[in-house]
Amino acid sequence: MYNFSNMNDNFEHRGFTKNGLKEGFGIQVWKDGAVYKGYYSNNKANGFGVFRHHDGDKYKGEFLNDRASGYGIYLHSNGALYEGYWQDDCQSGIGEECWNDDSNYYGEYFKGKKQGIGNQ
């Protein structure tokens, strides 16, 4: 998604720190308008958070080491939606995609691609 730990002037972080590292709840705003509101551990997004891309896409769910990992919902600005499991910023495990034309896919994903058992 985004490089949360890029330590140049591309973002502003407001929140708790410990020994100079982001820790606990915080808000990070990038110059392009992207925003993360959520929890940090050891300077990385870890735990529950909400990330809004500059283009309006939004992810709400679990993070691990600055990446979507665990259960989460990704809402595209065009209204398409994915709800399910993630690993390393990719759909992975069981999930469902729904599109604006009322079509959907429910099934297995691996590294961001439909794989295994599923239906459309």
N, C-alpha and C. Protein backbone atom coordinates (compact mmCIF):
# COMPACT_ATOMS: atom_id res chain seq x y z
N MET A 1 0.82 -1.18 0.00
CA MET A 1 0.00 0.00 0.00
C MET A 1 0.87 1.25 0.00
N TYR A 2 1.45 1.58 1.14
CA TYR A 2 2.30 2.76 1.28
C TYR A 2 3.50 2.38 2.12
N ASN A 3 4.58 3.10 1.98
CA ASN A 3 5.74 2.88 2.83
C ASN A 3 5.56 3.70 4.11
N PHE A 4 5.08 3.07 5.15
CA PHE A 4 4.83 3.76 6.41
C PHE A 4 6.11 4.27 7.06
N SER A 5 7.20 3.58 6.87
CA SER A 5 8.43 3.88 7.61
C SER A 5 9.40 4.78 6.86
N ASN A 6 9.01 5.29 5.70
CA ASN A 6 9.88 6.17 4.93
C ASN A 6 10.16 7.42 5.76
N MET A 7 11.37 7.58 6.24
CA MET A 7 11.68 8.65 7.19
C MET A 7 12.18 9.93 6.51
N ASN A 8 11.55 10.33 5.42
CA ASN A 8 11.87 11.62 4.84
C ASN A 8 10.71 12.57 5.11
N ASP A 9 10.61 13.63 4.37
CA ASP A 9 9.59 14.64 4.63
C ASP A 9 8.27 14.39 3.91
N ASN A 10 7.99 13.16 3.52
CA ASN A 10 6.76 12.88 2.77
C ASN A 10 5.54 12.72 3.66
N PHE A 11 5.69 12.75 4.97
CA PHE A 11 4.53 12.59 5.85
C PHE A 11 4.75 13.34 7.16
N GLU A 12 3.64 13.49 7.89
CA GLU A 12 3.68 14.04 9.24
C GLU A 12 3.01 13.02 10.15
N HIS A 13 3.66 12.70 11.26
CA HIS A 13 3.10 11.76 12.24
C HIS A 13 2.72 12.51 13.50
N ARG A 14 1.49 12.25 13.95
CA ARG A 14 1.03 12.80 15.23
C ARG A 14 0.58 11.62 16.08
N GLY A 15 1.17 11.50 17.24
CA GLY A 15 0.77 10.41 18.11
C GLY A 15 1.84 10.09 19.13
N PHE A 16 1.67 8.97 19.76
CA PHE A 16 2.57 8.55 20.82
C PHE A 16 3.88 8.01 20.24
N THR A 17 4.93 8.27 20.98
CA THR A 17 6.24 7.72 20.64
C THR A 17 6.89 7.18 21.91
N LYS A 18 7.83 6.28 21.70
CA LYS A 18 8.61 5.74 22.81
C LYS A 18 10.03 5.57 22.29
N ASN A 19 10.97 6.23 22.95
CA ASN A 19 12.37 6.20 22.52
C ASN A 19 12.52 6.63 21.06
N GLY A 20 11.72 7.63 20.65
CA GLY A 20 11.80 8.16 19.30
C GLY A 20 11.09 7.33 18.24
N LEU A 21 10.43 6.25 18.63
CA LEU A 21 9.72 5.39 17.68
C LEU A 21 8.22 5.52 17.88
N LYS A 22 7.45 5.42 16.78
CA LYS A 22 6.00 5.45 16.87
C LYS A 22 5.52 4.25 17.70
N GLU A 23 4.65 4.53 18.68
CA GLU A 23 4.19 3.48 19.58
C GLU A 23 2.79 3.85 20.07
N GLY A 24 1.86 2.91 20.03
CA GLY A 24 0.49 3.20 20.44
C GLY A 24 -0.29 3.85 19.31
N PHE A 25 -1.33 4.59 19.67
CA PHE A 25 -2.19 5.19 18.65
C PHE A 25 -1.51 6.40 18.01
N GLY A 26 -1.70 6.51 16.69
CA GLY A 26 -1.15 7.65 15.98
C GLY A 26 -1.88 7.90 14.68
N ILE A 27 -1.61 9.07 14.13
CA ILE A 27 -2.16 9.47 12.84
C ILE A 27 -0.99 9.91 11.98
N GLN A 28 -0.92 9.37 10.78
CA GLN A 28 0.13 9.73 9.84
C GLN A 28 -0.53 10.27 8.58
N VAL A 29 -0.09 11.46 8.15
CA VAL A 29 -0.65 12.11 6.97
C VAL A 29 0.47 12.34 5.97
N TRP A 30 0.28 11.83 4.75
CA TRP A 30 1.26 12.03 3.69
C TRP A 30 0.93 13.29 2.92
N LYS A 31 1.92 13.87 2.26
CA LYS A 31 1.74 15.10 1.50
C LYS A 31 0.73 14.95 0.38
N ASP A 32 0.56 13.73 -0.16
CA ASP A 32 -0.39 13.53 -1.25
C ASP A 32 -1.84 13.39 -0.75
N GLY A 33 -2.05 13.43 0.58
CA GLY A 33 -3.38 13.37 1.15
C GLY A 33 -3.75 12.02 1.75
N ALA A 34 -2.93 11.01 1.60
CA ALA A 34 -3.19 9.71 2.23
C ALA A 34 -3.10 9.86 3.75
N VAL A 35 -3.93 9.08 4.46
CA VAL A 35 -3.98 9.17 5.93
C VAL A 35 -4.09 7.77 6.53
N TYR A 36 -3.30 7.51 7.58
CA TYR A 36 -3.43 6.30 8.38
C TYR A 36 -3.77 6.72 9.80
N LYS A 37 -4.81 6.11 10.37
CA LYS A 37 -5.17 6.30 11.77
C LYS A 37 -5.22 4.92 12.39
N GLY A 38 -4.34 4.69 13.33
CA GLY A 38 -4.33 3.38 13.95
C GLY A 38 -3.18 3.18 14.90
N TYR A 39 -2.89 1.94 15.15
CA TYR A 39 -1.91 1.58 16.17
C TYR A 39 -0.56 1.22 15.58
N TYR A 40 0.46 1.56 16.33
CA TYR A 40 1.85 1.29 15.99
C TYR A 40 2.51 0.50 17.10
N SER A 41 3.49 -0.27 16.71
CA SER A 41 4.36 -0.94 17.65
C SER A 41 5.74 -0.97 17.04
N ASN A 42 6.73 -0.51 17.80
CA ASN A 42 8.11 -0.50 17.32
C ASN A 42 8.26 0.22 15.97
N ASN A 43 7.57 1.36 15.84
CA ASN A 43 7.67 2.26 14.69
C ASN A 43 6.93 1.76 13.44
N LYS A 44 6.15 0.69 13.56
CA LYS A 44 5.42 0.15 12.40
C LYS A 44 3.93 0.05 12.72
N ALA A 45 3.11 0.17 11.67
CA ALA A 45 1.67 -0.02 11.83
C ALA A 45 1.44 -1.48 12.22
N ASN A 46 0.91 -1.68 13.41
CA ASN A 46 0.64 -3.01 13.95
C ASN A 46 -0.66 -2.95 14.74
N GLY A 47 -1.59 -3.84 14.44
CA GLY A 47 -2.88 -3.82 15.11
C GLY A 47 -3.93 -3.23 14.19
N PHE A 48 -5.00 -2.74 14.78
CA PHE A 48 -6.11 -2.22 13.99
C PHE A 48 -5.81 -0.81 13.49
N GLY A 49 -6.21 -0.55 12.24
CA GLY A 49 -6.04 0.78 11.68
C GLY A 49 -6.93 1.00 10.47
N VAL A 50 -7.01 2.27 10.09
CA VAL A 50 -7.76 2.67 8.89
C VAL A 50 -6.81 3.46 8.02
N PHE A 51 -6.68 3.03 6.76
CA PHE A 51 -5.81 3.72 5.82
C PHE A 51 -6.63 4.20 4.64
N ARG A 52 -6.60 5.52 4.41
CA ARG A 52 -7.31 6.10 3.28
C ARG A 52 -6.28 6.58 2.26
N HIS A 53 -6.32 5.98 1.08
CA HIS A 53 -5.43 6.38 -0.02
C HIS A 53 -5.79 7.78 -0.52
N HIS A 54 -4.86 8.41 -1.17
CA HIS A 54 -5.11 9.74 -1.72
C HIS A 54 -6.20 9.71 -2.80
N ASP A 55 -6.44 8.55 -3.43
CA ASP A 55 -7.45 8.44 -4.48
C ASP A 55 -8.84 8.11 -3.94
N GLY A 56 -8.98 7.97 -2.62
CA GLY A 56 -10.27 7.70 -2.00
C GLY A 56 -10.49 6.25 -1.60
N ASP A 57 -9.65 5.33 -2.07
CA ASP A 57 -9.75 3.94 -1.62
C ASP A 57 -9.49 3.89 -0.11
N LYS A 58 -10.09 2.91 0.57
CA LYS A 58 -9.98 2.85 2.03
C LYS A 58 -9.84 1.40 2.49
N TYR A 59 -8.86 1.15 3.37
CA TYR A 59 -8.69 -0.15 4.01
C TYR A 59 -8.92 0.02 5.50
N LYS A 60 -9.74 -0.86 6.07
CA LYS A 60 -10.04 -0.83 7.50
C LYS A 60 -9.82 -2.24 8.02
N GLY A 61 -8.82 -2.41 8.87
CA GLY A 61 -8.56 -3.74 9.38
C GLY A 61 -7.24 -3.85 10.10
N GLU A 62 -6.70 -5.06 10.07
CA GLU A 62 -5.50 -5.37 10.82
C GLU A 62 -4.24 -5.13 9.99
N PHE A 63 -3.20 -4.68 10.68
CA PHE A 63 -1.88 -4.46 10.09
C PHE A 63 -0.83 -5.24 10.85
N LEU A 64 0.20 -5.65 10.15
CA LEU A 64 1.36 -6.29 10.75
C LEU A 64 2.59 -5.79 10.00
N ASN A 65 3.50 -5.14 10.72
CA ASN A 65 4.73 -4.61 10.13
C ASN A 65 4.47 -3.75 8.91
N ASP A 66 3.56 -2.79 9.05
CA ASP A 66 3.22 -1.80 8.02
C ASP A 66 2.44 -2.37 6.85
N ARG A 67 1.94 -3.57 6.94
CA ARG A 67 1.22 -4.19 5.83
C ARG A 67 -0.14 -4.71 6.30
N ALA A 68 -1.12 -4.65 5.40
CA ALA A 68 -2.42 -5.25 5.69
C ALA A 68 -2.21 -6.74 5.89
N SER A 69 -2.51 -7.23 7.07
CA SER A 69 -2.35 -8.65 7.41
C SER A 69 -3.38 -9.00 8.46
N GLY A 70 -4.17 -10.02 8.19
CA GLY A 70 -5.27 -10.38 9.07
C GLY A 70 -6.57 -10.05 8.38
N TYR A 71 -7.61 -9.80 9.15
CA TYR A 71 -8.93 -9.52 8.59
C TYR A 71 -9.06 -8.04 8.26
N GLY A 72 -9.63 -7.74 7.08
CA GLY A 72 -9.83 -6.34 6.72
C GLY A 72 -10.82 -6.16 5.59
N ILE A 73 -11.27 -4.93 5.44
CA ILE A 73 -12.21 -4.55 4.40
C ILE A 73 -11.56 -3.46 3.56
N TYR A 74 -11.55 -3.67 2.24
CA TYR A 74 -10.99 -2.68 1.32
C TYR A 74 -12.13 -2.17 0.44
N LEU A 75 -12.41 -0.87 0.54
CA LEU A 75 -13.47 -0.25 -0.25
C LEU A 75 -12.82 0.64 -1.30
N HIS A 76 -13.05 0.31 -2.56
CA HIS A 76 -12.52 1.12 -3.66
C HIS A 76 -13.39 2.37 -3.83
N SER A 77 -12.81 3.44 -4.32
CA SER A 77 -13.55 4.68 -4.51
C SER A 77 -14.69 4.51 -5.51
N ASN A 78 -14.63 3.49 -6.37
CA ASN A 78 -15.71 3.24 -7.34
C ASN A 78 -16.83 2.39 -6.75
N GLY A 79 -16.73 2.01 -5.47
CA GLY A 79 -17.77 1.25 -4.79
C GLY A 79 -17.51 -0.25 -4.70
N ALA A 80 -16.55 -0.77 -5.45
CA ALA A 80 -16.20 -2.19 -5.33
C ALA A 80 -15.62 -2.45 -3.94
N LEU A 81 -15.80 -3.68 -3.44
CA LEU A 81 -15.42 -3.97 -2.06
C LEU A 81 -14.81 -5.36 -1.97
N TYR A 82 -13.77 -5.49 -1.14
CA TYR A 82 -13.24 -6.81 -0.76
C TYR A 82 -13.30 -6.88 0.75
N GLU A 83 -13.84 -7.99 1.26
CA GLU A 83 -13.88 -8.23 2.70
C GLU A 83 -13.34 -9.62 2.95
N GLY A 84 -12.30 -9.71 3.75
CA GLY A 84 -11.71 -11.01 4.03
C GLY A 84 -10.33 -10.89 4.60
N TYR A 85 -9.52 -11.88 4.33
CA TYR A 85 -8.20 -11.99 4.95
C TYR A 85 -7.09 -11.52 4.01
N TRP A 86 -6.04 -11.00 4.65
CA TRP A 86 -4.89 -10.40 3.97
C TRP A 86 -3.60 -10.98 4.55
N GLN A 87 -2.56 -10.96 3.73
CA GLN A 87 -1.21 -11.26 4.18
C GLN A 87 -0.25 -10.45 3.33
N ASP A 88 0.61 -9.69 3.98
CA ASP A 88 1.61 -8.86 3.29
C ASP A 88 0.99 -7.99 2.20
N ASP A 89 -0.11 -7.28 2.51
CA ASP A 89 -0.80 -6.36 1.60
C ASP A 89 -1.51 -7.06 0.45
N CYS A 90 -1.66 -8.38 0.49
CA CYS A 90 -2.35 -9.11 -0.57
C CYS A 90 -3.53 -9.89 0.01
N GLN A 91 -4.60 -9.99 -0.77
CA GLN A 91 -5.71 -10.85 -0.38
C GLN A 91 -5.17 -12.26 -0.25
N SER A 92 -5.43 -12.90 0.88
CA SER A 92 -4.90 -14.23 1.11
C SER A 92 -5.76 -14.95 2.13
N GLY A 93 -6.36 -16.06 1.72
CA GLY A 93 -7.29 -16.78 2.57
C GLY A 93 -8.69 -16.63 2.02
N ILE A 94 -9.68 -16.71 2.88
CA ILE A 94 -11.08 -16.61 2.47
C ILE A 94 -11.50 -15.14 2.40
N GLY A 95 -12.20 -14.79 1.33
CA GLY A 95 -12.69 -13.43 1.19
C GLY A 95 -13.79 -13.33 0.16
N GLU A 96 -14.39 -12.15 0.10
CA GLU A 96 -15.45 -11.90 -0.88
C GLU A 96 -15.24 -10.55 -1.52
N GLU A 97 -15.33 -10.54 -2.84
CA GLU A 97 -15.31 -9.30 -3.61
C GLU A 97 -16.71 -9.05 -4.14
N CYS A 98 -17.15 -7.81 -4.07
CA CYS A 98 -18.45 -7.40 -4.60
C CYS A 98 -18.23 -6.19 -5.51
N TRP A 99 -18.88 -6.22 -6.66
CA TRP A 99 -18.74 -5.13 -7.63
C TRP A 99 -20.07 -4.40 -7.79
N ASN A 100 -20.03 -3.25 -8.41
CA ASN A 100 -21.20 -2.38 -8.55
C ASN A 100 -22.31 -2.99 -9.40
N ASP A 101 -22.00 -3.96 -10.25
CA ASP A 101 -23.02 -4.58 -11.09
C ASP A 101 -23.71 -5.76 -10.38
N ASP A 102 -23.55 -5.83 -9.06
CA ASP A 102 -24.13 -6.87 -8.20
C ASP A 102 -23.50 -8.25 -8.39
N SER A 103 -22.41 -8.34 -9.13
CA SER A 103 -21.69 -9.61 -9.21
C SER A 103 -20.74 -9.71 -8.02
N ASN A 104 -20.37 -10.93 -7.68
CA ASN A 104 -19.46 -11.11 -6.55
C ASN A 104 -18.68 -12.40 -6.72
N TYR A 105 -17.63 -12.51 -5.94
CA TYR A 105 -16.84 -13.74 -5.85
C TYR A 105 -16.60 -14.00 -4.38
N TYR A 106 -16.89 -15.21 -3.93
CA TYR A 106 -16.60 -15.63 -2.57
C TYR A 106 -15.74 -16.88 -2.66
N GLY A 107 -14.59 -16.84 -2.04
CA GLY A 107 -13.74 -18.01 -2.08
C GLY A 107 -12.34 -17.74 -1.58
N GLU A 108 -11.42 -18.54 -2.08
CA GLU A 108 -10.04 -18.49 -1.61
C GLU A 108 -9.19 -17.57 -2.49
N TYR A 109 -8.22 -16.93 -1.82
CA TYR A 109 -7.25 -16.06 -2.48
C TYR A 109 -5.86 -16.48 -2.03
N PHE A 110 -4.89 -16.25 -2.90
CA PHE A 110 -3.50 -16.48 -2.55
C PHE A 110 -2.66 -15.42 -3.25
N LYS A 111 -1.91 -14.65 -2.47
CA LYS A 111 -1.07 -13.57 -2.99
C LYS A 111 -1.84 -12.64 -3.92
N GLY A 112 -3.07 -12.30 -3.53
CA GLY A 112 -3.87 -11.33 -4.26
C GLY A 112 -4.65 -11.87 -5.43
N LYS A 113 -4.59 -13.17 -5.67
CA LYS A 113 -5.29 -13.76 -6.81
C LYS A 113 -6.29 -14.82 -6.34
N LYS A 114 -7.41 -14.91 -7.07
CA LYS A 114 -8.38 -15.95 -6.77
C LYS A 114 -7.72 -17.30 -7.03
N GLN A 115 -7.86 -18.19 -6.07
CA GLN A 115 -7.22 -19.50 -6.21
C GLN A 115 -7.94 -20.50 -5.32
N GLY A 116 -8.06 -21.72 -5.77
CA GLY A 116 -8.70 -22.74 -4.96
C GLY A 116 -10.19 -22.76 -5.18
N ILE A 117 -10.93 -22.99 -4.12
CA ILE A 117 -12.38 -23.12 -4.20
C ILE A 117 -13.03 -21.75 -4.10
N GLY A 118 -14.00 -21.51 -4.98
CA GLY A 118 -14.74 -20.27 -4.95
C GLY A 118 -15.89 -20.28 -5.93
N ASN A 119 -16.77 -19.29 -5.82
CA ASN A 119 -17.87 -19.20 -6.76
C ASN A 119 -18.08 -17.75 -7.19
N GLN A 120 -18.62 -17.59 -8.37
CA GLN A 120 -18.95 -16.25 -8.86
C GLN A 120 -20.42 -16.18 -9.15
